[in-house]
Amino acid sequence: MTSTLGMHPLLLLPEMLLFVGGLAALLGGSFLARSRQWITRVVAAVVLIGAAAAAVVIGVGGAQQAFEGTYAVDTATAVVRVVVALATLLVLGIASDEVVDSPRESETYALLLFSAAGACILGGADDLMVLVVGFLLASIPMYGLIGMAGGARSAEAAMKAYLMGALFGILLLLGVTILYGLSGTTGYADLAHRLGDVPSAAAVAGVVAVVGGLMFKAGGVPGHFWVPDAAEGASATAATFLTTVPKIGAVIAVYRLLAALPPDRAWPLLIAALAVTGMTLGNLAAYWQDDPRRLLGWSTVSQVGYLLVAVVVVRDSDLALPALSVYLAGYAVTNVAAFAVTAALPDRRDLASYRGLSSTHPWLAGALVVALLGLVGTPPTAVFVGKLTVATAAWDGGHAWLAVVLLVNTVLSLFYYLRWLAPAFRPARVPAVGTTATLPWSSWTAVVAAALTVVLGVGAGVLWQVVDGPLIG
């Protein structure tokens, strides 16, 4: 990584585009008639495409540092930027059905862009104070997105997310305070050698607090309690976004923090415990869910557990970062595809109501098959490649037992996904009123995201070469 210090503000061009785009959508929407709010949607889409393109251009320049070494612009940052931008672009497809011509259309796009900018900052933060800024920017807009749906379930979900966010935000700040008090620095570059001489109990307390706070953003154990309620009670737009985009930045933030800590402590054991608990608890809880979005909420908890396996071996295997990057990209499009199917059929809020989907909506049924089997990790989908390479990294890093736990949990997860798929291929009954209509933008989003899942899986070799190639400095 280039060590020359300086501000280099253009290295943060993707984050700037996202934030300024959010401001433009928010302010522009105030002056546009309701029938012309679609203009802010176009602005948001252009900004997201521009941010992804800028991330690629900056990433080709190699690993660098910005703002006096507090922000890393490297492979991990490039992955976060591109995946966050493209995943949010897909979420706009769902929003195009849900919020079109509504009083909160431009505000929705603004909040999506603000939170996406926060997720990117989380992924690139190389300083504890910048990490806090990213956490807050990713979290605060999310509370508004959850509550915008209206109704009792949405209000309950927003309140639970807000209270949990406040609690884990305080936990994160406590951890930052402890680590700063022990080391006298907030920069990751100095943490490794300065924490090596401090009392182990105090250092562990600080790290546990910071990781615990990040687990709220990732939607993983122990900060997962709000995720199923938000997935069920929020709009499809908010549910898709909050279970996909923030965790991209948060997982990379955990990876970056763990890589900066002294290697002589048992930090990987902490992450391994969170990984095993998360994947097991998420799978067991999903078994009994009848609401498809709540099922997907618990599924995302388990997926965080799988992702953390790569973080465990960040120091022990060169496969860790490429495997994590491929998994994050595959998970993002696959999760969006699954939620987009539920968005296209908003009245079907239990698994039994999907009966006959293959005959009434074959394209949506196909997207659902790809999405759910993709989340399991079935070839040739991208998540299959992600899980396989993450398990390989764990094995290569001397944590064979963790690879076995991942594979066992993957097999166990097949059951609850099949509970959803099975009704879709049973003969259709006489359709009930209100259960046959689909929303066009969400339908197309489901099909496109499912196609991307397969394309990324088939082209995983090329993707691997990109993240394991010239972007690494």
Protein backbone atom coordinates (compact mmCIF):
# COMPACT_ATOMS: atom_id res chain seq x y z
CA MET A 1 0.00 0.00 0.00
CA THR A 2 1.29 3.44 -0.90
CA SER A 3 2.56 5.00 2.34
CA THR A 4 2.71 8.65 1.24
CA LEU A 5 0.41 10.58 3.54
CA GLY A 6 -1.88 13.34 2.37
CA MET A 7 -5.53 14.23 1.88
CA HIS A 8 -6.06 12.95 -1.70
CA PRO A 9 -9.80 13.72 -1.63
CA LEU A 10 -10.42 12.38 -5.13
CA LEU A 11 -9.70 8.89 -3.83
CA LEU A 12 -13.05 9.19 -2.03
CA LEU A 13 -14.91 10.16 -5.20
CA PRO A 14 -17.39 7.21 -5.01
CA GLU A 15 -18.42 8.10 -1.46
CA MET A 16 -18.69 11.78 -2.41
CA LEU A 17 -20.89 10.94 -5.38
CA LEU A 18 -23.22 8.87 -3.21
CA PHE A 19 -23.53 11.53 -0.52
CA VAL A 20 -23.97 14.44 -2.94
CA GLY A 21 -26.44 12.34 -4.92
CA GLY A 22 -28.44 11.81 -1.74
CA LEU A 23 -28.49 15.55 -1.11
CA ALA A 24 -29.55 16.20 -4.71
CA ALA A 25 -32.40 13.68 -4.43
CA LEU A 26 -33.52 15.12 -1.10
CA LEU A 27 -33.43 18.77 -2.13
CA GLY A 28 -34.55 18.22 -5.71
CA GLY A 29 -37.55 16.24 -4.58
CA SER A 30 -38.74 19.23 -2.57
CA PHE A 31 -39.18 21.26 -5.76
CA LEU A 32 -40.60 18.58 -8.04
CA ALA A 33 -44.26 17.75 -8.48
CA ARG A 34 -45.23 14.31 -7.27
CA SER A 35 -45.75 13.14 -10.85
CA ARG A 36 -42.16 14.12 -11.67
CA GLN A 37 -40.40 12.55 -8.68
CA TRP A 38 -39.09 9.89 -11.06
CA ILE A 39 -36.38 12.39 -11.95
CA THR A 40 -34.78 11.82 -8.55
CA ARG A 41 -34.83 8.08 -9.26
CA VAL A 42 -32.89 8.70 -12.47
CA VAL A 43 -30.44 10.88 -10.57
CA ALA A 44 -29.95 8.13 -7.99
CA ALA A 45 -29.37 5.51 -10.69
CA VAL A 46 -26.84 7.69 -12.52
CA VAL A 47 -25.02 8.42 -9.26
CA LEU A 48 -24.81 4.71 -8.41
CA ILE A 49 -23.48 3.81 -11.84
CA GLY A 50 -20.99 6.67 -11.61
CA ALA A 51 -19.84 5.56 -8.15
CA ALA A 52 -19.26 2.00 -9.36
CA ALA A 53 -17.32 3.23 -12.40
CA ALA A 54 -15.22 5.59 -10.26
CA ALA A 55 -14.46 2.74 -7.85
CA VAL A 56 -13.15 0.59 -10.69
CA VAL A 57 -11.00 3.40 -12.12
CA ILE A 58 -9.54 4.27 -8.71
CA GLY A 59 -9.01 0.60 -7.85
CA VAL A 60 -6.91 -0.01 -10.96
CA GLY A 61 -4.44 2.53 -9.57
CA GLY A 62 -3.41 0.14 -6.81
CA ALA A 63 -3.69 0.29 -3.04
CA GLN A 64 -3.39 3.78 -1.57
CA GLN A 65 -4.28 5.80 1.51
CA ALA A 66 -6.32 8.98 1.82
CA PHE A 67 -6.90 11.62 4.50
CA GLU A 68 -3.59 11.17 6.29
CA GLY A 69 -3.78 7.39 6.42
CA THR A 70 -7.24 7.20 7.99
CA TYR A 71 -8.89 5.73 4.88
CA ALA A 72 -7.65 2.75 2.89
CA VAL A 73 -8.27 2.55 -0.85
CA ASP A 74 -7.39 -1.03 -1.68
CA THR A 75 -8.93 -4.25 -2.95
CA ALA A 76 -11.36 -4.60 -0.07
CA THR A 77 -12.52 -0.99 -0.46
CA ALA A 78 -12.99 -1.45 -4.21
CA VAL A 79 -15.09 -4.57 -3.63
CA VAL A 80 -17.29 -2.77 -1.12
CA ARG A 81 -17.79 0.23 -3.37
CA VAL A 82 -18.72 -1.75 -6.47
CA VAL A 83 -20.94 -4.29 -4.72
CA VAL A 84 -22.71 -1.64 -2.63
CA ALA A 85 -23.39 0.55 -5.69
CA LEU A 86 -24.69 -2.29 -7.86
CA ALA A 87 -26.78 -3.84 -5.08
CA THR A 88 -28.36 -0.46 -4.31
CA LEU A 89 -29.05 -0.02 -8.03
CA LEU A 90 -30.99 -3.30 -7.98
CA VAL A 91 -32.88 -2.13 -4.89
CA LEU A 92 -33.98 0.93 -6.89
CA GLY A 93 -35.82 -1.48 -9.18
CA ILE A 94 -37.93 -2.66 -6.25
CA ALA A 95 -38.42 0.92 -5.05
CA SER A 96 -39.68 1.89 -8.50
CA ASP A 97 -42.82 -0.16 -7.81
CA GLU A 98 -43.29 0.57 -4.13
CA VAL A 99 -42.73 4.30 -3.83
CA VAL A 100 -43.54 5.62 -7.30
CA ASP A 101 -45.64 8.82 -7.05
CA SER A 102 -45.74 8.48 -3.26
CA PRO A 103 -45.17 11.45 -0.89
CA ARG A 104 -41.87 9.88 0.24
CA GLU A 105 -40.38 8.90 -3.11
CA SER A 106 -37.42 11.28 -3.26
CA GLU A 107 -36.74 10.83 0.47
CA THR A 108 -36.48 7.07 -0.06
CA TYR A 109 -33.86 7.47 -2.76
CA ALA A 110 -31.95 9.97 -0.63
CA LEU A 111 -31.88 7.64 2.39
CA LEU A 112 -30.72 4.74 0.22
CA LEU A 113 -27.82 6.78 -1.11
CA PHE A 114 -26.82 8.15 2.31
CA SER A 115 -26.81 4.69 3.87
CA ALA A 116 -24.90 3.26 0.90
CA ALA A 117 -22.25 5.96 1.39
CA GLY A 118 -22.02 4.94 5.06
CA ALA A 119 -21.54 1.29 4.10
CA CYS A 120 -18.68 2.27 1.79
CA ILE A 121 -17.03 4.33 4.53
CA LEU A 122 -17.31 1.37 6.90
CA GLY A 123 -15.48 -0.81 4.42
CA GLY A 124 -12.64 1.66 3.82
CA ALA A 125 -12.15 3.00 7.34
CA ASP A 126 -8.56 2.59 8.56
CA ASP A 127 -9.15 4.60 11.71
CA LEU A 128 -11.54 4.00 14.59
CA MET A 129 -13.04 7.49 14.39
CA VAL A 130 -13.76 7.12 10.68
CA LEU A 131 -15.31 3.75 11.51
CA VAL A 132 -17.73 5.49 13.90
CA VAL A 133 -18.68 8.01 11.20
CA GLY A 134 -19.40 5.21 8.76
CA PHE A 135 -21.45 3.34 11.36
CA LEU A 136 -23.65 6.36 12.05
CA LEU A 137 -24.09 7.32 8.40
CA ALA A 138 -25.07 3.76 7.49
CA SER A 139 -27.43 3.40 10.47
CA ILE A 140 -29.44 6.63 10.82
CA PRO A 141 -30.99 6.62 7.31
CA MET A 142 -31.85 2.96 7.78
CA TYR A 143 -34.17 3.71 10.69
CA GLY A 144 -36.16 6.07 8.48
CA LEU A 145 -36.35 3.52 5.68
CA ILE A 146 -37.75 0.87 8.03
CA GLY A 147 -40.43 3.17 9.44
CA MET A 148 -41.61 4.56 6.10
CA ALA A 149 -43.88 1.59 5.37
CA GLY A 150 -46.36 2.72 8.02
CA GLY A 151 -48.50 0.49 10.19
CA ALA A 152 -47.93 -1.29 13.48
CA ARG A 153 -45.42 -3.85 12.24
CA SER A 154 -43.28 -1.19 10.56
CA ALA A 155 -43.35 1.02 13.67
CA GLU A 156 -42.36 -1.90 15.88
CA ALA A 157 -39.53 -2.87 13.52
CA ALA A 158 -38.24 0.71 13.33
CA MET A 159 -38.32 1.11 17.09
CA LYS A 160 -36.54 -2.19 17.67
CA ALA A 161 -33.88 -1.33 15.07
CA TYR A 162 -33.41 2.13 16.57
CA LEU A 163 -33.07 0.87 20.15
CA MET A 164 -30.71 -1.92 19.12
CA GLY A 165 -28.73 0.54 17.01
CA ALA A 166 -28.43 2.94 19.93
CA LEU A 167 -27.30 0.13 22.25
CA PHE A 168 -24.72 -1.30 19.88
CA GLY A 169 -23.64 2.17 18.82
CA ILE A 170 -22.82 2.91 22.45
CA LEU A 171 -21.01 -0.43 22.63
CA LEU A 172 -18.96 0.51 19.57
CA LEU A 173 -18.06 3.90 21.05
CA LEU A 174 -17.13 2.23 24.33
CA GLY A 175 -14.78 -0.10 22.47
CA VAL A 176 -13.23 2.79 20.56
CA THR A 177 -12.71 4.69 23.83
CA ILE A 178 -11.05 1.71 25.50
CA LEU A 179 -8.73 1.04 22.56
CA TYR A 180 -7.79 4.72 22.32
CA GLY A 181 -7.16 4.91 26.04
CA LEU A 182 -4.91 1.86 25.89
CA SER A 183 -2.98 2.70 22.74
CA GLY A 184 -3.17 6.48 22.47
CA THR A 185 -4.13 6.16 18.82
CA THR A 186 -7.19 5.50 16.68
CA GLY A 187 -5.26 4.60 13.52
CA TYR A 188 -5.14 0.94 12.58
CA ALA A 189 -1.51 1.24 11.46
CA ASP A 190 -0.39 1.86 15.06
CA LEU A 191 -2.75 -0.49 16.87
CA ALA A 192 -0.78 -3.66 16.18
CA HIS A 193 2.40 -2.73 18.09
CA ARG A 194 0.83 -0.42 20.69
CA LEU A 195 -1.74 -2.97 21.87
CA GLY A 196 0.91 -5.63 22.20
CA ASP A 197 2.13 -4.22 25.54
CA VAL A 198 -1.20 -3.49 27.24
CA PRO A 199 -3.17 -5.77 29.62
CA SER A 200 -4.86 -8.52 27.64
CA ALA A 201 -8.20 -8.25 29.45
CA ALA A 202 -8.56 -4.55 28.63
CA ALA A 203 -7.57 -5.02 24.98
CA VAL A 204 -9.99 -7.91 24.61
CA ALA A 205 -12.80 -5.83 26.13
CA GLY A 206 -12.19 -3.02 23.64
CA VAL A 207 -12.03 -5.31 20.62
CA VAL A 208 -15.12 -7.27 21.69
CA ALA A 209 -17.06 -4.02 22.06
CA VAL A 210 -16.04 -2.74 18.62
CA VAL A 211 -16.77 -6.06 16.90
CA GLY A 212 -20.09 -6.29 18.75
CA GLY A 213 -21.10 -2.87 17.45
CA LEU A 214 -20.17 -3.86 13.90
CA MET A 215 -22.26 -7.00 14.22
CA PHE A 216 -25.35 -4.80 14.51
CA LYS A 217 -24.59 -3.35 11.08
CA ALA A 218 -23.78 -6.78 9.68
CA GLY A 219 -26.99 -8.25 11.11
CA GLY A 220 -25.00 -11.01 12.79
CA VAL A 221 -24.91 -12.48 16.29
CA PRO A 222 -25.12 -10.84 18.84
CA GLY A 223 -26.55 -7.75 17.11
CA HIS A 224 -29.09 -9.66 15.02
CA PHE A 225 -32.30 -9.32 17.04
CA TRP A 226 -33.77 -6.53 14.90
CA VAL A 227 -33.20 -8.18 11.50
CA PRO A 228 -36.15 -10.62 11.25
CA ASP A 229 -38.64 -8.01 12.50
CA ALA A 230 -37.34 -5.40 10.08
CA ALA A 231 -37.37 -7.84 7.18
CA GLU A 232 -41.00 -8.69 7.97
CA GLY A 233 -42.36 -5.27 8.94
CA ALA A 234 -40.52 -2.88 6.61
CA SER A 235 -41.29 -2.29 2.96
CA ALA A 236 -39.68 -4.65 0.46
CA THR A 237 -37.34 -1.84 -0.57
CA ALA A 238 -36.08 -1.31 2.97
CA ALA A 239 -36.00 -5.03 3.79
CA THR A 240 -33.92 -5.81 0.72
CA PHE A 241 -31.51 -2.97 1.35
CA LEU A 242 -30.95 -3.47 5.07
CA THR A 243 -30.34 -7.21 4.74
CA THR A 244 -27.87 -6.72 1.89
CA VAL A 245 -25.97 -3.45 1.66
CA PRO A 246 -24.90 -2.50 5.23
CA LYS A 247 -23.46 -5.94 5.95
CA ILE A 248 -21.08 -5.61 2.97
CA GLY A 249 -19.29 -2.69 4.61
CA ALA A 250 -19.58 -4.11 8.13
CA VAL A 251 -18.03 -7.50 7.33
CA ILE A 252 -15.11 -5.85 5.53
CA ALA A 253 -14.73 -3.51 8.53
CA VAL A 254 -14.36 -6.54 10.83
CA TYR A 255 -11.84 -8.04 8.41
CA ARG A 256 -9.81 -4.83 8.34
CA LEU A 257 -9.84 -4.45 12.14
CA LEU A 258 -8.79 -8.05 12.74
CA ALA A 259 -5.93 -7.69 10.26
CA ALA A 260 -4.66 -4.66 12.21
CA LEU A 261 -4.64 -6.29 15.65
CA PRO A 262 -1.56 -7.89 17.28
CA PRO A 263 -1.13 -11.44 15.95
CA ASP A 264 -0.19 -12.88 19.34
CA ARG A 265 -3.75 -12.83 20.72
CA ALA A 266 -6.58 -15.27 20.07
CA TRP A 267 -8.66 -12.79 18.07
CA PRO A 268 -9.66 -15.38 15.43
CA LEU A 269 -11.29 -17.48 18.15
CA LEU A 270 -13.69 -14.62 18.91
CA ILE A 271 -14.72 -14.28 15.25
CA ALA A 272 -14.98 -18.07 14.92
CA ALA A 273 -17.38 -18.19 17.87
CA LEU A 274 -19.55 -15.50 16.27
CA ALA A 275 -19.44 -17.31 12.93
CA VAL A 276 -20.52 -20.68 14.31
CA THR A 277 -23.20 -19.19 16.55
CA GLY A 278 -24.56 -17.03 13.75
CA MET A 279 -24.83 -19.69 11.07
CA THR A 280 -26.32 -22.24 13.47
CA LEU A 281 -28.80 -19.92 15.18
CA GLY A 282 -29.90 -18.37 11.89
CA ASN A 283 -30.59 -21.76 10.34
CA LEU A 284 -32.43 -23.14 13.36
CA ALA A 285 -34.62 -20.05 13.72
CA ALA A 286 -35.44 -20.00 9.99
CA TYR A 287 -36.83 -23.55 10.20
CA TRP A 288 -40.05 -22.41 11.86
CA GLN A 289 -40.81 -19.26 9.88
CA ASP A 290 -43.90 -19.07 7.68
CA ASP A 291 -43.52 -15.48 6.45
CA PRO A 292 -41.07 -15.54 3.50
CA ARG A 293 -39.47 -12.22 4.39
CA ARG A 294 -38.98 -13.20 8.01
CA LEU A 295 -37.45 -16.45 6.79
CA LEU A 296 -35.05 -14.46 4.64
CA GLY A 297 -34.29 -12.25 7.64
CA TRP A 298 -33.05 -15.23 9.61
CA SER A 299 -31.30 -16.50 6.50
CA THR A 300 -29.23 -13.31 6.40
CA VAL A 301 -28.18 -13.91 10.01
CA SER A 302 -26.81 -17.31 9.01
CA GLN A 303 -25.11 -15.86 5.91
CA VAL A 304 -23.14 -13.45 8.09
CA GLY A 305 -21.85 -16.48 9.97
CA TYR A 306 -20.60 -18.02 6.73
CA LEU A 307 -18.95 -14.75 5.68
CA LEU A 308 -17.12 -14.42 9.00
CA VAL A 309 -15.36 -17.74 8.38
CA ALA A 310 -13.16 -15.98 5.83
CA VAL A 311 -12.40 -13.23 8.36
CA VAL A 312 -11.18 -15.82 10.87
CA VAL A 313 -8.30 -16.85 8.60
CA VAL A 314 -7.36 -13.40 7.32
CA ARG A 315 -3.83 -13.81 8.70
CA ASP A 316 -3.48 -17.49 7.92
CA SER A 317 -4.58 -17.87 4.30
CA ASP A 318 -4.01 -15.83 1.15
CA LEU A 319 -7.39 -17.10 -0.05
CA ALA A 320 -9.30 -15.23 2.67
CA LEU A 321 -9.83 -11.85 1.00
CA PRO A 322 -10.57 -13.13 -2.54
CA ALA A 323 -12.98 -15.72 -1.10
CA LEU A 324 -14.71 -13.10 1.04
CA SER A 325 -14.97 -10.73 -1.93
CA VAL A 326 -16.51 -13.35 -4.23
CA TYR A 327 -18.94 -14.42 -1.49
CA LEU A 328 -20.04 -10.84 -0.79
CA ALA A 329 -20.70 -10.15 -4.48
CA GLY A 330 -22.62 -13.41 -4.91
CA TYR A 331 -24.62 -12.98 -1.73
CA ALA A 332 -25.65 -9.43 -2.63
CA VAL A 333 -27.26 -10.29 -5.97
CA THR A 334 -28.75 -13.55 -4.68
CA ASN A 335 -30.37 -11.97 -1.64
CA VAL A 336 -31.77 -9.15 -3.76
CA ALA A 337 -33.27 -11.72 -6.14
CA ALA A 338 -35.06 -13.53 -3.30
CA PHE A 339 -36.49 -10.34 -1.81
CA ALA A 340 -37.47 -9.04 -5.25
CA VAL A 341 -39.71 -12.09 -5.73
CA THR A 342 -41.54 -11.24 -2.51
CA ALA A 343 -41.78 -7.62 -3.65
CA ALA A 344 -43.32 -8.66 -6.97
CA LEU A 345 -45.98 -10.64 -5.08
CA PRO A 346 -46.70 -8.35 -2.12
CA ASP A 347 -49.91 -10.10 -1.04
CA ARG A 348 -48.28 -13.50 -0.61
CA ARG A 349 -47.05 -13.27 2.95
CA ASP A 350 -46.95 -16.95 3.86
CA LEU A 351 -45.18 -19.87 2.23
CA ALA A 352 -48.39 -21.72 1.35
CA SER A 353 -49.59 -18.79 -0.77
CA TYR A 354 -46.78 -19.47 -3.26
CA ARG A 355 -48.54 -22.64 -4.33
CA GLY A 356 -48.78 -22.90 -8.10
CA LEU A 357 -46.28 -20.12 -8.75
CA SER A 358 -44.52 -22.17 -11.42
CA SER A 359 -47.66 -22.31 -13.53
CA THR A 360 -48.93 -18.77 -12.96
CA HIS A 361 -45.60 -16.90 -12.97
CA PRO A 362 -42.91 -19.21 -14.39
CA TRP A 363 -40.25 -16.48 -14.63
CA LEU A 364 -40.67 -15.55 -10.98
CA ALA A 365 -40.64 -19.23 -10.03
CA GLY A 366 -37.37 -19.64 -11.91
CA ALA A 367 -35.88 -16.61 -10.18
CA LEU A 368 -37.00 -17.99 -6.82
CA VAL A 369 -35.38 -21.36 -7.53
CA VAL A 370 -32.08 -19.73 -8.48
CA ALA A 371 -32.18 -17.37 -5.49
CA LEU A 372 -33.02 -19.93 -2.81
CA LEU A 373 -30.78 -22.69 -4.11
CA GLY A 374 -28.16 -20.00 -4.57
CA LEU A 375 -28.42 -19.04 -0.90
CA VAL A 376 -27.95 -22.70 -0.03
CA GLY A 377 -24.82 -22.75 -2.16
CA THR A 378 -25.81 -24.88 -5.13
CA PRO A 379 -23.70 -24.82 -8.31
CA PRO A 380 -23.40 -22.98 -10.62
CA THR A 381 -24.46 -19.98 -8.51
CA ALA A 382 -22.05 -17.38 -7.12
CA VAL A 383 -22.74 -18.25 -3.47
CA PHE A 384 -21.64 -21.83 -4.20
CA VAL A 385 -18.26 -20.50 -5.32
CA GLY A 386 -18.17 -18.19 -2.31
CA LYS A 387 -18.91 -20.93 0.21
CA LEU A 388 -16.53 -23.36 -1.46
CA THR A 389 -13.65 -20.89 -1.48
CA VAL A 390 -14.37 -19.70 2.06
CA ALA A 391 -14.32 -23.32 3.28
CA THR A 392 -11.09 -23.87 1.34
CA ALA A 393 -9.57 -20.77 2.95
CA ALA A 394 -10.54 -22.05 6.40
CA TRP A 395 -8.97 -25.42 5.64
CA ASP A 396 -5.86 -23.78 4.21
CA GLY A 397 -5.61 -21.55 7.29
CA GLY A 398 -5.57 -24.46 9.72
CA HIS A 399 -9.24 -24.25 10.76
CA ALA A 400 -10.53 -27.43 9.17
CA TRP A 401 -13.16 -27.82 11.87
CA LEU A 402 -14.66 -24.48 10.88
CA ALA A 403 -14.93 -25.60 7.25
CA VAL A 404 -16.77 -28.72 8.42
CA VAL A 405 -19.21 -26.67 10.51
CA LEU A 406 -19.87 -24.43 7.49
CA LEU A 407 -20.63 -27.40 5.24
CA VAL A 408 -22.88 -29.07 7.83
CA ASN A 409 -24.86 -25.87 8.31
CA THR A 410 -25.16 -25.48 4.55
CA VAL A 411 -26.78 -28.90 4.29
CA LEU A 412 -29.12 -28.12 7.20
CA SER A 413 -30.24 -24.88 5.58
CA LEU A 414 -31.58 -26.74 2.55
CA PHE A 415 -34.67 -27.83 4.50
CA TYR A 416 -36.23 -24.43 5.13
CA TYR A 417 -35.50 -23.17 1.64
CA LEU A 418 -37.25 -26.25 0.25
CA ARG A 419 -40.26 -25.48 2.48
CA TRP A 420 -40.66 -22.36 0.34
CA LEU A 421 -39.86 -23.94 -3.01
CA ALA A 422 -42.08 -27.00 -2.66
CA PRO A 423 -45.44 -25.14 -2.75
CA ALA A 424 -44.33 -23.15 -5.79
CA PHE A 425 -44.24 -26.34 -7.87
CA ARG A 426 -47.43 -27.93 -6.61
CA PRO A 427 -50.60 -27.71 -8.72
CA ALA A 428 -52.28 -24.35 -8.35
CA ARG A 429 -55.58 -24.00 -6.58
CA VAL A 430 -58.18 -21.48 -7.70
CA PRO A 431 -56.24 -18.22 -7.13
CA ALA A 432 -57.46 -16.04 -4.33
CA VAL A 433 -58.29 -12.42 -5.01
CA GLY A 434 -55.21 -10.20 -4.88
CA THR A 435 -52.62 -12.97 -5.11
CA THR A 436 -51.99 -13.11 -8.85
CA ALA A 437 -50.88 -9.58 -9.74
CA THR A 438 -47.18 -8.87 -10.03
CA LEU A 439 -45.29 -5.59 -9.90
CA PRO A 440 -43.30 -5.18 -13.14
CA TRP A 441 -40.12 -3.49 -11.90
CA SER A 442 -39.75 -5.92 -9.02
CA SER A 443 -40.32 -8.86 -11.36
CA TRP A 444 -37.60 -7.67 -13.70
CA THR A 445 -35.29 -7.03 -10.77
CA ALA A 446 -35.83 -10.60 -9.55
CA VAL A 447 -35.04 -12.06 -12.96
CA VAL A 448 -32.00 -9.84 -13.56
CA ALA A 449 -30.56 -10.47 -10.08
CA ALA A 450 -31.10 -14.23 -10.45
CA ALA A 451 -29.36 -14.13 -13.84
CA LEU A 452 -26.44 -12.25 -12.29
CA THR A 453 -26.20 -14.95 -9.63
CA VAL A 454 -25.62 -17.55 -12.31
CA VAL A 455 -23.36 -15.31 -14.41
CA LEU A 456 -21.13 -14.55 -11.42
CA GLY A 457 -21.05 -18.23 -10.55
CA VAL A 458 -20.06 -19.31 -14.05
CA GLY A 459 -17.59 -16.43 -14.39
CA ALA A 460 -16.20 -16.76 -10.89
CA GLY A 461 -12.74 -17.47 -12.25
CA VAL A 462 -12.59 -14.09 -13.92
CA LEU A 463 -13.97 -12.39 -10.80
CA TRP A 464 -11.35 -14.17 -8.68
CA GLN A 465 -8.55 -12.93 -10.94
CA VAL A 466 -9.85 -9.37 -10.62
CA VAL A 467 -9.91 -9.32 -6.81
CA ASP A 468 -6.70 -11.35 -6.52
CA GLY A 469 -4.88 -9.45 -9.22
CA PRO A 470 -3.80 -5.88 -9.91
CA LEU A 471 -5.98 -4.30 -7.24
CA ILE A 472 -3.86 -5.78 -4.45
CA GLY A 473 -1.03 -3.53 -3.41
